[in-house]
């Protein structure tokens, strides 16, 4: 009796735990890729006999802060996050396991990157001009931009002197702008901000 039990234990240790024939799903997309979608469709292969799939999603910005986290069970081999996983850039780690008649498969893990800034290009050029005695900032229009976030920075310490929201590719600034002031222009498109572009004020 004890020999039979010992033999079974040795065989179990050799092959590892058995998950009642509930196979692990395989990732389809966007595993290991870069996407511009902030709410990408996460897909994996269907498993025969699976009742549900247990999914964990964790999104972090490059600085490490958590942007979004989901721990859900779904019946279809796909998941669309109900809220964006990033404003601009993030690394997303995901894991999924199939549940068959109460038995859970091995969990499969993967990751992908989000870079939404690629959908909103930066202005190619920003410049200053004098118009009716006032300084005006202008830049090349960005296709798809809804508005532009405009900031004027102090030449002394970089602090923000003025913030504007421009609907056109120009913004009227103060009458007198200190030499060396920095103007930054950042477009906002439907899904994300673009990269800011800078210009230095020189007389």
Protein backbone atom coordinates (compact mmCIF):
# COMPACT_ATOMS: atom_id res chain seq x y z
CA UNK A 1 0.00 0.00 0.00
CA UNK A 2 2.67 2.47 1.03
CA UNK A 3 4.70 1.58 -2.08
CA UNK A 4 1.74 2.43 -4.30
CA UNK A 5 1.22 5.75 -2.50
CA UNK A 6 4.94 6.57 -2.76
CA UNK A 7 4.96 5.74 -6.46
CA UNK A 8 1.95 8.00 -7.06
CA UNK A 9 3.54 10.85 -5.10
CA UNK A 10 6.76 10.56 -7.13
CA UNK A 11 4.82 10.65 -10.40
CA UNK A 12 2.80 13.67 -9.25
CA UNK A 13 5.98 15.53 -8.26
CA UNK A 14 7.49 14.79 -11.67
CA UNK A 15 4.63 16.12 -13.76
CA UNK A 16 3.40 18.87 -11.42
CA UNK A 17 -0.19 19.68 -10.44
CA UNK A 18 -3.00 18.53 -12.73
CA UNK A 19 -5.65 21.14 -13.62
CA UNK A 20 -8.45 18.72 -14.55
CA UNK A 21 -7.81 19.08 -18.30
CA UNK A 22 -8.55 22.82 -18.22
CA UNK A 23 -5.98 24.15 -20.65
CA UNK A 24 -4.38 27.56 -20.27
CA UNK A 25 -5.43 30.27 -22.77
CA UNK A 26 -2.86 31.70 -25.17
CA UNK A 27 -2.51 35.43 -25.79
CA UNK A 28 -3.53 36.89 -29.14
CA UNK A 29 -3.30 40.66 -28.81
CA UNK A 30 -1.94 43.14 -27.99
CA UNK A 31 0.63 40.95 -26.20
CA UNK A 32 4.21 42.23 -26.35
CA UNK A 33 3.31 45.06 -28.72
CA UNK A 34 2.92 48.83 -28.61
CA UNK A 35 -0.56 50.24 -29.19
CA UNK A 36 -1.91 53.76 -29.42
CA UNK A 37 -5.31 52.65 -28.07
CA UNK A 38 -5.96 53.63 -24.46
CA UNK A 39 -8.82 51.10 -24.28
CA UNK A 40 -7.45 48.26 -26.39
CA UNK A 41 -9.35 45.02 -26.97
CA UNK A 42 -7.45 42.35 -25.00
CA UNK A 43 -7.84 38.94 -26.67
CA UNK A 44 -6.81 35.36 -25.92
CA UNK A 45 -7.66 31.93 -27.32
CA UNK A 46 -10.87 30.20 -26.29
CA UNK A 47 -10.50 27.08 -24.15
CA UNK A 48 -12.80 24.11 -24.72
CA UNK A 49 -15.01 23.54 -21.70
CA UNK A 50 -14.22 26.91 -20.10
CA UNK A 51 -17.10 28.51 -18.24
CA UNK A 52 -15.32 31.78 -17.49
CA UNK A 53 -11.91 33.41 -17.71
CA UNK A 54 -10.26 35.07 -14.74
CA UNK A 55 -8.42 38.19 -15.87
CA UNK A 56 -6.13 40.59 -14.03
CA UNK A 57 -5.03 43.88 -15.62
CA UNK A 58 -2.57 46.37 -14.11
CA UNK A 59 -1.51 49.58 -15.86
CA UNK A 60 1.36 51.79 -14.65
CA UNK A 61 2.84 54.99 -16.02
CA UNK A 62 6.64 55.05 -16.59
CA UNK A 63 7.11 56.66 -13.17
CA UNK A 64 5.45 53.64 -11.53
CA UNK A 65 2.10 55.09 -10.48
CA UNK A 66 -0.88 52.78 -11.03
CA UNK A 67 -3.31 54.20 -13.61
CA UNK A 68 -5.86 51.39 -13.70
CA UNK A 69 -6.41 47.95 -12.20
CA UNK A 70 -9.06 45.33 -13.02
CA UNK A 71 -9.69 41.88 -11.56
CA UNK A 72 -12.64 40.38 -13.42
CA UNK A 73 -14.25 37.16 -14.62
CA UNK A 74 -15.64 37.16 -18.16
CA UNK A 75 -17.35 34.56 -20.33
CA UNK A 76 -15.86 35.59 -23.69
CA UNK A 77 -12.15 35.37 -24.61
CA UNK A 78 -11.84 39.13 -24.85
CA UNK A 79 -11.97 42.17 -22.59
CA UNK A 80 -12.35 45.89 -23.26
CA UNK A 81 -11.35 48.07 -20.30
CA UNK A 82 -14.31 50.22 -19.19
CA UNK A 83 -11.95 53.15 -18.59
CA UNK A 84 -8.69 54.17 -20.30
CA UNK A 85 -5.53 52.35 -19.24
CA UNK A 86 -3.41 55.45 -19.88
CA UNK A 87 -3.60 59.17 -20.60
CA UNK A 88 -0.40 59.10 -22.61
CA UNK A 89 2.01 56.23 -21.91
CA UNK A 90 1.83 53.14 -19.72
CA UNK A 91 3.04 49.58 -19.35
CA UNK A 92 0.21 47.10 -18.91
CA UNK A 93 0.66 43.64 -17.40
CA UNK A 94 -2.13 41.09 -17.77
CA UNK A 95 -2.78 37.52 -16.70
CA UNK A 96 -5.61 35.16 -17.63
CA UNK A 97 -6.69 31.69 -16.53
CA UNK A 98 -9.59 29.53 -17.71
CA UNK A 99 -12.12 28.08 -15.27
CA UNK A 100 -13.65 24.74 -16.32
CA UNK A 101 -16.39 23.33 -14.05
CA UNK A 102 -14.78 24.99 -11.04
CA UNK A 103 -11.20 24.00 -11.92
CA UNK A 104 -8.77 26.79 -12.73
CA UNK A 105 -6.07 26.43 -15.38
CA UNK A 106 -2.51 27.68 -15.18
CA UNK A 107 -2.39 31.48 -15.43
CA UNK A 108 -0.81 32.91 -18.59
CA UNK A 109 0.90 36.30 -18.28
CA UNK A 110 1.97 38.91 -20.81
CA UNK A 111 2.47 42.67 -21.17
CA UNK A 112 2.13 45.46 -23.71
CA UNK A 113 2.89 49.18 -23.97
CA UNK A 114 0.53 52.08 -24.63
CA UNK A 115 1.76 55.23 -26.35
CA UNK A 116 -1.23 57.41 -27.15
CA UNK A 117 0.92 60.43 -28.06
CA UNK A 118 1.50 58.93 -31.51
CA UNK A 119 -2.11 59.77 -32.41
CA UNK A 120 -1.52 63.47 -31.73
CA UNK A 121 1.66 64.81 -33.40
CA UNK A 122 3.54 67.77 -31.96
CA UNK A 123 3.59 71.13 -33.79
CA UNK A 124 6.60 71.30 -36.06
CA UNK A 125 7.47 74.87 -35.12
CA UNK A 126 6.58 77.55 -32.54
CA UNK A 127 7.53 81.22 -32.78
CA UNK A 128 6.89 84.69 -31.31
CA UNK A 129 5.72 87.79 -33.14
CA UNK A 130 4.73 91.35 -32.19
CA UNK A 131 1.18 92.37 -33.12
CA UNK A 132 -0.40 95.71 -32.14
CA UNK A 133 2.13 96.15 -29.38
CA UNK A 134 1.49 92.71 -27.86
CA UNK A 135 3.48 89.52 -28.05
CA UNK A 136 1.77 86.68 -29.87
CA UNK A 137 2.76 83.05 -29.97
CA UNK A 138 2.07 81.13 -33.16
CA UNK A 139 2.68 77.57 -34.33
CA UNK A 140 1.89 75.21 -37.15
CA UNK A 141 -1.56 73.66 -36.85
CA UNK A 142 -1.81 70.00 -35.88
CA UNK A 143 -4.26 67.85 -37.81
CA UNK A 144 -6.89 66.47 -35.43
CA UNK A 145 -6.10 68.89 -32.59
CA UNK A 146 -9.16 69.99 -30.61
CA UNK A 147 -7.26 72.68 -28.72
CA UNK A 148 -3.75 73.63 -27.63
CA UNK A 149 -2.47 73.97 -24.08
CA UNK A 150 -0.22 77.04 -24.03
CA UNK A 151 2.12 77.88 -21.16
CA UNK A 152 4.52 80.78 -20.70
CA UNK A 153 7.45 80.02 -18.39
CA UNK A 154 9.66 82.43 -16.46
CA UNK A 155 13.25 82.75 -17.69
CA UNK A 156 14.44 82.97 -14.08
CA UNK A 157 13.18 79.72 -12.57
CA UNK A 158 10.91 78.09 -15.14
CA UNK A 159 7.76 78.79 -13.14
CA UNK A 160 4.51 79.15 -15.09
CA UNK A 161 3.60 82.78 -15.75
CA UNK A 162 0.51 82.19 -17.84
CA UNK A 163 -1.70 79.31 -19.00
CA UNK A 164 -4.00 79.56 -22.00
CA UNK A 165 -6.24 77.20 -23.96
CA UNK A 166 -6.18 78.08 -27.65
CA UNK A 167 -8.60 76.78 -30.27
CA UNK A 168 -6.51 78.22 -33.09
CA UNK A 169 -2.75 77.88 -33.68
CA UNK A 170 -2.00 81.23 -32.02
CA UNK A 171 -2.25 82.85 -28.59
CA UNK A 172 -2.03 86.49 -27.53
CA UNK A 173 0.36 86.91 -24.61
CA UNK A 174 1.33 89.88 -22.39
CA UNK A 175 2.39 93.32 -23.60
CA UNK A 176 5.87 92.83 -22.19
CA UNK A 177 7.51 89.42 -22.04
CA UNK A 178 10.89 89.06 -20.29
CA UNK A 179 13.67 88.07 -22.64
CA UNK A 180 14.41 84.37 -22.33
CA UNK A 181 10.83 83.42 -21.46
CA UNK A 182 9.85 79.99 -22.74
CA UNK A 183 6.61 79.28 -24.57
CA UNK A 184 5.34 75.68 -24.63
CA UNK A 185 2.54 74.46 -26.89
CA UNK A 186 0.92 71.07 -26.40
CA UNK A 187 -1.88 69.84 -28.68
CA UNK A 188 -4.88 67.94 -27.39
CA UNK A 189 -6.52 65.50 -29.81
CA UNK A 190 -9.55 63.27 -29.34
CA UNK A 191 -7.77 60.53 -27.38
CA UNK A 192 -4.57 62.03 -26.00
CA UNK A 193 -2.19 64.94 -25.64
CA UNK A 194 0.71 65.31 -28.03
CA UNK A 195 4.27 66.14 -27.05
CA UNK A 196 4.92 69.82 -26.17
CA UNK A 197 7.12 72.02 -28.34
CA UNK A 198 9.09 74.95 -26.94
CA UNK A 199 10.27 78.35 -28.15
CA UNK A 200 12.48 80.91 -26.38
CA UNK A 201 11.57 84.59 -26.55
CA UNK A 202 14.46 86.73 -27.80
CA UNK A 203 14.40 90.39 -28.74
